[in-house]
Protein backbone atom coordinates (compact mmCIF):
# COMPACT_ATOMS: atom_id res chain seq x y z
CA PHE A 1 61.20 -28.55 122.73
CA ALA A 2 63.01 -31.16 120.62
CA LYS A 3 63.11 -33.61 123.51
CA SER A 4 59.39 -33.21 124.21
CA ARG A 5 58.58 -33.89 120.55
CA LEU A 6 60.65 -37.09 120.59
CA VAL A 7 59.04 -38.28 123.84
CA ARG A 8 55.57 -37.66 122.35
CA ALA A 9 56.66 -39.72 119.33
CA GLY A 10 57.38 -42.68 121.63
CA PHE A 11 61.10 -42.42 122.41
CA ALA A 12 62.18 -43.13 125.98
CA GLU A 13 62.81 -39.85 127.81
CA ASP A 14 65.76 -41.26 129.76
CA ARG A 15 67.53 -42.09 126.49
CA ILE A 16 67.42 -38.53 125.15
CA VAL A 17 70.14 -36.00 125.86
CA VAL A 18 69.81 -32.45 124.57
CA LEU A 19 72.99 -30.76 123.37
CA PRO A 20 72.19 -27.14 122.47
CA ASN A 21 74.02 -25.33 119.70
CA MET A 22 76.94 -23.13 120.69
CA VAL A 23 78.71 -20.14 119.18
CA ASP A 24 81.98 -18.40 119.93
CA LEU A 25 81.60 -15.32 122.08
CA PRO A 26 83.09 -12.27 120.33
CA GLY A 27 85.68 -10.35 122.35
CA SER A 28 83.35 -7.38 122.70
CA SER A 29 79.69 -6.70 122.17
CA THR A 30 77.86 -4.02 120.28
CA ASP A 31 75.77 -1.32 121.93
CA ALA A 32 72.33 -2.20 120.58
CA SER A 33 71.01 1.26 121.49
CA ARG A 34 73.14 2.69 118.68
CA GLY A 35 71.78 0.29 116.04
CA ARG A 36 70.74 1.93 112.79
CA TYR A 37 68.48 -0.83 111.44
CA VAL A 38 66.66 -4.09 112.21
CA ALA A 39 68.43 -7.28 111.09
CA PHE A 40 67.21 -10.57 109.67
CA SER A 41 69.62 -13.38 108.86
CA GLY A 42 68.45 -16.66 107.40
CA ARG A 43 67.13 -18.53 104.43
CA ILE A 44 64.72 -16.52 102.32
CA SER A 45 61.96 -19.12 102.11
CA PRO A 46 58.30 -19.35 103.15
CA GLU A 47 58.80 -21.24 106.42
CA LYS A 48 61.20 -18.60 107.74
CA GLY A 49 58.42 -16.00 107.89
CA VAL A 50 59.97 -13.39 105.60
CA THR A 51 56.50 -12.51 104.28
CA THR A 52 55.41 -11.72 107.84
CA LEU A 53 58.49 -9.54 108.37
CA LEU A 54 57.89 -7.61 105.13
CA GLU A 55 54.20 -7.10 106.00
CA ALA A 56 55.30 -5.76 109.40
CA ALA A 57 57.85 -3.50 107.67
CA ARG A 58 55.06 -1.92 105.61
CA GLY A 59 53.37 -0.89 108.86
CA ILE A 60 56.50 0.81 110.22
CA PRO A 61 57.98 2.58 107.18
CA ASP A 62 60.46 4.67 109.17
CA VAL A 63 62.24 1.58 110.52
CA PRO A 64 64.98 0.31 108.16
CA ILE A 65 65.28 -3.47 107.84
CA ARG A 66 68.26 -5.33 106.38
CA LEU A 67 67.85 -8.96 105.33
CA VAL A 68 70.87 -11.25 104.96
CA GLY A 69 70.49 -14.56 103.17
CA GLY A 70 69.53 -16.28 99.97
CA GLY A 71 66.87 -18.77 99.08
CA PRO A 72 64.09 -19.80 96.75
CA THR A 73 61.86 -16.77 97.34
CA LEU A 74 64.58 -14.09 97.38
CA GLU A 75 63.73 -12.58 93.99
CA SER A 76 59.97 -12.49 94.55
CA HIS A 77 60.42 -10.91 98.00
CA MET A 78 62.82 -8.33 96.58
CA ALA A 79 60.28 -7.39 93.92
CA GLU A 80 57.48 -6.93 96.47
CA ALA A 81 59.47 -5.47 99.40
CA PRO A 82 58.57 -2.10 100.89
CA PRO A 83 61.15 0.70 100.50
CA ASN A 84 62.46 0.29 104.05
CA ALA A 85 63.58 -3.32 103.41
CA THR A 86 67.01 -3.95 101.91
CA PHE A 87 68.15 -7.41 100.78
CA LEU A 88 71.89 -8.03 101.07
CA GLY A 89 71.97 -11.61 99.75
CA GLN A 90 74.22 -14.36 101.06
CA LEU A 91 77.17 -12.99 103.06
CA PRO A 92 80.27 -14.64 104.54
CA PRO A 93 80.31 -15.04 108.36
CA ASP A 94 82.50 -11.98 108.99
CA ARG A 95 80.09 -9.76 107.06
CA VAL A 96 77.11 -11.23 108.92
CA ALA A 97 78.90 -10.32 112.17
CA GLU A 98 79.32 -6.75 110.85
CA GLU A 99 75.58 -6.61 110.19
CA TYR A 100 74.90 -7.63 113.79
CA CYS A 101 77.20 -4.87 115.00
CA GLY A 102 75.17 -2.21 113.17
CA ALA A 103 71.73 -3.48 114.19
CA ARG A 104 69.43 -2.49 117.02
CA PHE A 105 67.88 -5.98 117.19
CA LEU A 106 67.35 -9.18 115.21
CA VAL A 107 64.00 -10.57 114.05
CA VAL A 108 63.37 -14.33 113.71
CA PRO A 109 59.83 -14.56 112.26
CA SER A 110 59.72 -18.33 111.68
CA LEU A 111 56.42 -20.02 110.89
CA TRP A 112 57.67 -23.57 111.44
CA PHE A 113 59.21 -25.31 114.41
CA GLU A 114 62.79 -24.27 115.08
CA GLY A 115 64.97 -26.06 117.57
CA CYS A 116 68.01 -24.00 118.53
CA PRO A 117 68.85 -21.76 115.56
CA LEU A 118 72.39 -20.42 115.50
CA VAL A 119 71.18 -17.01 114.34
CA ILE A 120 69.65 -16.26 117.76
CA LEU A 121 72.78 -17.34 119.61
CA GLU A 122 75.00 -15.36 117.22
CA ALA A 123 72.92 -12.20 117.63
CA MET A 124 72.85 -12.50 121.41
CA SER A 125 76.61 -13.15 121.52
CA HIS A 126 77.01 -9.75 119.83
CA GLY A 127 74.73 -8.09 122.38
CA LEU A 128 71.55 -7.83 120.34
CA PRO A 129 68.04 -8.43 121.63
CA VAL A 130 65.90 -10.77 119.53
CA ILE A 131 62.26 -10.59 118.51
CA ALA A 132 61.13 -14.13 117.66
CA SER A 133 58.02 -16.11 116.89
CA ARG A 134 56.46 -17.87 119.85
CA ILE A 135 56.91 -21.32 118.25
CA GLY A 136 59.01 -24.43 118.69
CA GLY A 137 62.21 -23.95 120.66
CA LEU A 138 62.40 -20.18 120.13
CA PRO A 139 60.74 -19.32 123.48
CA GLU A 140 63.42 -21.43 125.18
CA LEU A 141 66.08 -19.08 123.80
CA VAL A 142 64.35 -15.69 123.97
CA ASP A 143 63.29 -14.76 127.49
CA ASP A 144 60.28 -12.55 126.70
CA GLY A 145 60.82 -9.07 128.13
CA VAL A 146 64.38 -9.86 129.26
CA THR A 147 66.53 -10.83 126.24
CA GLY A 148 63.97 -9.87 123.61
CA LEU A 149 60.31 -10.16 122.75
CA LEU A 150 58.07 -12.93 121.43
CA PHE A 151 55.21 -12.51 118.98
CA GLU A 152 52.53 -14.77 117.53
CA PRO A 153 53.78 -16.63 114.43
CA GLY A 154 52.49 -15.15 111.18
CA ASP A 155 50.94 -12.12 112.90
CA ALA A 156 52.50 -9.14 111.09
CA GLN A 157 50.60 -6.63 113.20
CA ASP A 158 51.90 -8.18 116.44
CA LEU A 159 55.43 -8.24 114.99
CA ALA A 160 55.22 -4.59 113.85
CA SER A 161 54.01 -3.61 117.31
CA LYS A 162 56.93 -5.40 119.03
CA MET A 163 59.40 -3.95 116.53
CA SER A 164 58.06 -0.43 117.19
CA VAL A 165 58.35 -0.92 120.94
CA LEU A 166 62.03 -1.85 120.73
CA TRP A 167 62.92 0.57 117.95
CA ASN A 168 61.55 3.46 120.01
CA ASP A 169 63.36 2.38 123.19
CA PRO A 170 67.10 2.19 122.45
CA GLU A 171 68.00 1.93 126.13
CA ARG A 172 65.79 -1.14 126.49
CA CYS A 173 67.55 -2.63 123.46
CA ARG A 174 70.92 -2.02 125.11
CA GLN A 175 69.80 -3.69 128.34
CA MET A 176 68.17 -6.66 126.62
CA GLY A 177 71.25 -7.08 124.46
CA LYS A 178 73.45 -7.19 127.56
CA GLU A 179 71.14 -9.77 129.15
CA GLY A 180 71.20 -11.92 126.03
CA ARG A 181 75.01 -11.83 125.82
CA HIS A 182 75.22 -12.73 129.49
């Protein structure tokens, strides 16, 4: 995705090399089928799609959602969040890893172009499937139907539907998580 944007901007394709982000692979993975909540990890700001995630959460009140991160809209989102959404604030890396280990899947509801966000790689390294917006480089990381699911950016109903599908199919979460870690 990033390379194609640079080429369209006039840079010579043969002069561009893409180096994707990398993360350490934990010694063991979690069993996503045993996850007790849905995870979000990122900056709490408009472009990250937190509003879309909270709107989706309202449509699936029995699915608990835990949001890790801080940012400019944290307080306003906390004030307007549905009861099934819990904000944990900024956490150190070891605590973020613990959150991954207790989750069934991760949601990346970005509204803007993302290249290769570490959060997807981190979640997959722990054996979690990922539901992500179909935008920017995210579809290059999430193999729709294999390592997670893609939804239309900003479409809370589509996101809620995809979240319900995975939440109600723990075995599929386990398999997708294994595929993502692989």
